[in-house]
Amino acid sequence: MEATTDDPTRIITQKELASRVPYSSVQIWRLEKAGTFPRRIQLGPNRIGWVEAEVEAWLRKRLDERGAS
């Protein structure tokens, strides 16, 4: 499969994730394990990341739920 520039997949780091989602790394891990947060990607032996679009969708869902209350 060839990557296209029309829809690039951007991976965010743990530091970037922390600036967007104010949860501890342990809480993020718990949410991932429960299946309620996007799963991390193992990029290398000591490097992880998250698909930016999945994290953004998760945040939008939280905002939509807030508006529905």
N, C-alpha and C. Protein backbone atom coordinates (compact mmCIF):
# COMPACT_ATOMS: atom_id res chain seq x y z
N MET A 1 0.85 -1.18 0.00
CA MET A 1 0.00 0.00 0.00
C MET A 1 0.89 1.24 0.00
N GLU A 2 0.59 2.16 -0.85
CA GLU A 2 1.40 3.37 -1.00
C GLU A 2 0.76 4.52 -0.23
N ALA A 3 1.58 5.26 0.51
CA ALA A 3 1.08 6.42 1.25
C ALA A 3 0.81 7.57 0.29
N THR A 4 -0.27 8.29 0.56
CA THR A 4 -0.59 9.45 -0.28
C THR A 4 -0.46 10.71 0.56
N THR A 5 -0.24 11.81 -0.11
CA THR A 5 -0.14 13.09 0.60
C THR A 5 -1.51 13.68 0.86
N ASP A 6 -2.57 13.11 0.24
CA ASP A 6 -3.93 13.62 0.45
C ASP A 6 -4.42 13.34 1.87
N ASP A 7 -4.04 12.23 2.44
CA ASP A 7 -4.52 11.84 3.76
C ASP A 7 -3.38 11.25 4.58
N PRO A 8 -2.41 12.07 4.96
CA PRO A 8 -1.28 11.54 5.72
C PRO A 8 -1.69 11.17 7.15
N THR A 9 -1.11 10.12 7.67
CA THR A 9 -1.35 9.72 9.05
C THR A 9 -0.28 10.38 9.90
N ARG A 10 -0.72 11.18 10.84
CA ARG A 10 0.23 11.86 11.72
C ARG A 10 0.23 11.14 13.06
N ILE A 11 1.40 10.84 13.54
CA ILE A 11 1.57 10.20 14.84
C ILE A 11 2.01 11.25 15.83
N ILE A 12 1.34 11.29 16.99
CA ILE A 12 1.75 12.24 18.02
C ILE A 12 2.48 11.50 19.14
N THR A 13 3.39 12.20 19.77
CA THR A 13 4.20 11.62 20.84
C THR A 13 3.44 11.69 22.17
N GLN A 14 4.02 11.07 23.17
CA GLN A 14 3.43 11.09 24.50
C GLN A 14 3.38 12.52 25.04
N LYS A 15 4.39 13.30 24.74
CA LYS A 15 4.42 14.70 25.18
C LYS A 15 3.29 15.50 24.52
N GLU A 16 3.09 15.31 23.21
CA GLU A 16 2.01 15.99 22.51
C GLU A 16 0.65 15.54 23.04
N LEU A 17 0.52 14.24 23.31
CA LEU A 17 -0.73 13.72 23.86
C LEU A 17 -1.03 14.37 25.20
N ALA A 18 -0.03 14.50 26.05
CA ALA A 18 -0.22 15.10 27.37
C ALA A 18 -0.66 16.55 27.27
N SER A 19 -0.24 17.25 26.22
CA SER A 19 -0.67 18.65 26.06
C SER A 19 -2.11 18.75 25.59
N ARG A 20 -2.65 17.69 25.02
CA ARG A 20 -4.03 17.70 24.52
C ARG A 20 -5.01 17.04 25.49
N VAL A 21 -4.55 16.00 26.17
CA VAL A 21 -5.42 15.24 27.07
C VAL A 21 -4.80 15.30 28.48
N PRO A 22 -5.43 16.01 29.40
CA PRO A 22 -4.84 16.21 30.72
C PRO A 22 -5.00 15.02 31.67
N TYR A 23 -4.59 13.87 31.22
CA TYR A 23 -4.61 12.66 32.04
C TYR A 23 -3.18 12.19 32.24
N SER A 24 -2.95 11.50 33.35
CA SER A 24 -1.63 10.92 33.58
C SER A 24 -1.41 9.77 32.60
N SER A 25 -0.16 9.38 32.45
CA SER A 25 0.14 8.27 31.54
C SER A 25 -0.50 6.98 32.04
N VAL A 26 -0.63 6.83 33.35
CA VAL A 26 -1.28 5.63 33.92
C VAL A 26 -2.77 5.63 33.57
N GLN A 27 -3.41 6.79 33.67
CA GLN A 27 -4.83 6.87 33.33
C GLN A 27 -5.05 6.60 31.84
N ILE A 28 -4.19 7.10 30.99
CA ILE A 28 -4.28 6.82 29.55
C ILE A 28 -4.17 5.32 29.33
N TRP A 29 -3.20 4.69 29.99
CA TRP A 29 -3.02 3.24 29.86
C TRP A 29 -4.27 2.49 30.29
N ARG A 30 -4.89 2.91 31.39
CA ARG A 30 -6.12 2.26 31.88
C ARG A 30 -7.26 2.40 30.86
N LEU A 31 -7.40 3.60 30.30
CA LEU A 31 -8.44 3.81 29.30
C LEU A 31 -8.19 2.97 28.05
N GLU A 32 -6.94 2.87 27.64
CA GLU A 32 -6.60 2.01 26.48
C GLU A 32 -6.97 0.56 26.79
N LYS A 33 -6.60 0.11 27.96
CA LYS A 33 -6.87 -1.28 28.35
C LYS A 33 -8.37 -1.57 28.39
N ALA A 34 -9.15 -0.56 28.81
CA ALA A 34 -10.61 -0.71 28.87
C ALA A 34 -11.26 -0.57 27.49
N GLY A 35 -10.48 -0.14 26.49
CA GLY A 35 -11.01 0.01 25.15
C GLY A 35 -11.76 1.31 24.94
N THR A 36 -11.54 2.30 25.81
CA THR A 36 -12.26 3.57 25.70
C THR A 36 -11.37 4.73 25.24
N PHE A 37 -10.15 4.43 24.87
CA PHE A 37 -9.22 5.44 24.37
C PHE A 37 -8.42 4.81 23.23
N PRO A 38 -8.05 5.59 22.22
CA PRO A 38 -7.28 5.02 21.10
C PRO A 38 -6.00 4.32 21.58
N ARG A 39 -5.71 3.19 20.98
CA ARG A 39 -4.54 2.41 21.38
C ARG A 39 -3.26 3.01 20.84
N ARG A 40 -2.23 2.90 21.62
CA ARG A 40 -0.90 3.39 21.22
C ARG A 40 -0.31 2.50 20.15
N ILE A 41 0.66 3.04 19.45
CA ILE A 41 1.41 2.31 18.44
C ILE A 41 2.85 2.20 18.91
N GLN A 42 3.38 1.00 18.87
CA GLN A 42 4.79 0.80 19.22
C GLN A 42 5.62 1.14 17.99
N LEU A 43 6.35 2.24 18.06
CA LEU A 43 7.14 2.71 16.93
C LEU A 43 8.55 2.12 16.92
N GLY A 44 9.02 1.75 18.08
CA GLY A 44 10.35 1.19 18.23
C GLY A 44 10.44 0.58 19.61
N PRO A 45 11.60 0.07 19.99
CA PRO A 45 11.71 -0.58 21.29
C PRO A 45 11.40 0.36 22.46
N ASN A 46 11.68 1.63 22.32
CA ASN A 46 11.47 2.58 23.42
C ASN A 46 10.66 3.80 22.98
N ARG A 47 9.84 3.64 21.96
CA ARG A 47 9.10 4.78 21.43
C ARG A 47 7.67 4.38 21.12
N ILE A 48 6.71 5.18 21.61
CA ILE A 48 5.30 4.94 21.33
C ILE A 48 4.68 6.21 20.78
N GLY A 49 3.53 6.07 20.16
CA GLY A 49 2.81 7.21 19.65
C GLY A 49 1.35 6.85 19.48
N TRP A 50 0.54 7.86 19.13
CA TRP A 50 -0.88 7.68 18.89
C TRP A 50 -1.23 8.32 17.57
N VAL A 51 -2.22 7.77 16.89
CA VAL A 51 -2.69 8.35 15.63
C VAL A 51 -3.48 9.61 15.99
N GLU A 52 -3.02 10.74 15.47
CA GLU A 52 -3.61 12.03 15.82
C GLU A 52 -5.11 12.05 15.52
N ALA A 53 -5.53 11.54 14.38
CA ALA A 53 -6.94 11.57 13.99
C ALA A 53 -7.81 10.79 14.99
N GLU A 54 -7.30 9.68 15.52
CA GLU A 54 -8.05 8.90 16.50
C GLU A 54 -8.20 9.66 17.82
N VAL A 55 -7.14 10.33 18.24
CA VAL A 55 -7.20 11.12 19.48
C VAL A 55 -8.16 12.29 19.29
N GLU A 56 -8.10 12.96 18.14
CA GLU A 56 -8.99 14.07 17.86
C GLU A 56 -10.45 13.61 17.85
N ALA A 57 -10.72 12.43 17.28
CA ALA A 57 -12.08 11.89 17.27
C ALA A 57 -12.56 11.60 18.69
N TRP A 58 -11.67 11.08 19.52
CA TRP A 58 -12.00 10.80 20.92
C TRP A 58 -12.36 12.10 21.64
N LEU A 59 -11.57 13.16 21.41
CA LEU A 59 -11.85 14.45 22.03
C LEU A 59 -13.18 15.04 21.53
N ARG A 60 -13.43 14.94 20.22
CA ARG A 60 -14.70 15.44 19.66
C ARG A 60 -15.89 14.73 20.28
N LYS A 61 -15.76 13.43 20.48
CA LYS A 61 -16.84 12.66 21.11
C LYS A 61 -17.12 13.17 22.51
N ARG A 62 -16.07 13.46 23.27
CA ARG A 62 -16.26 14.01 24.62
C ARG A 62 -16.99 15.36 24.55
N LEU A 63 -16.60 16.20 23.60
CA LEU A 63 -17.25 17.50 23.44
C LEU A 63 -18.72 17.35 23.03
N ASP A 64 -19.01 16.39 22.14
CA ASP A 64 -20.38 16.14 21.73
C ASP A 64 -21.23 15.65 22.90
N GLU A 65 -20.66 14.80 23.73
CA GLU A 65 -21.38 14.29 24.90
C GLU A 65 -21.67 15.42 25.88
N ARG A 66 -20.75 16.35 26.00
CA ARG A 66 -20.97 17.51 26.88
C ARG A 66 -22.12 18.35 26.39
N GLY A 67 -22.20 18.54 25.08
CA GLY A 67 -23.26 19.35 24.50
C GLY A 67 -24.63 18.69 24.60
N ALA A 68 -24.67 17.36 24.65
CA ALA A 68 -25.93 16.63 24.69
C ALA A 68 -26.54 16.61 26.09
N SER A 69 -25.76 16.95 27.09
CA SER A 69 -26.26 16.90 28.48
C SER A 69 -27.25 17.98 28.77
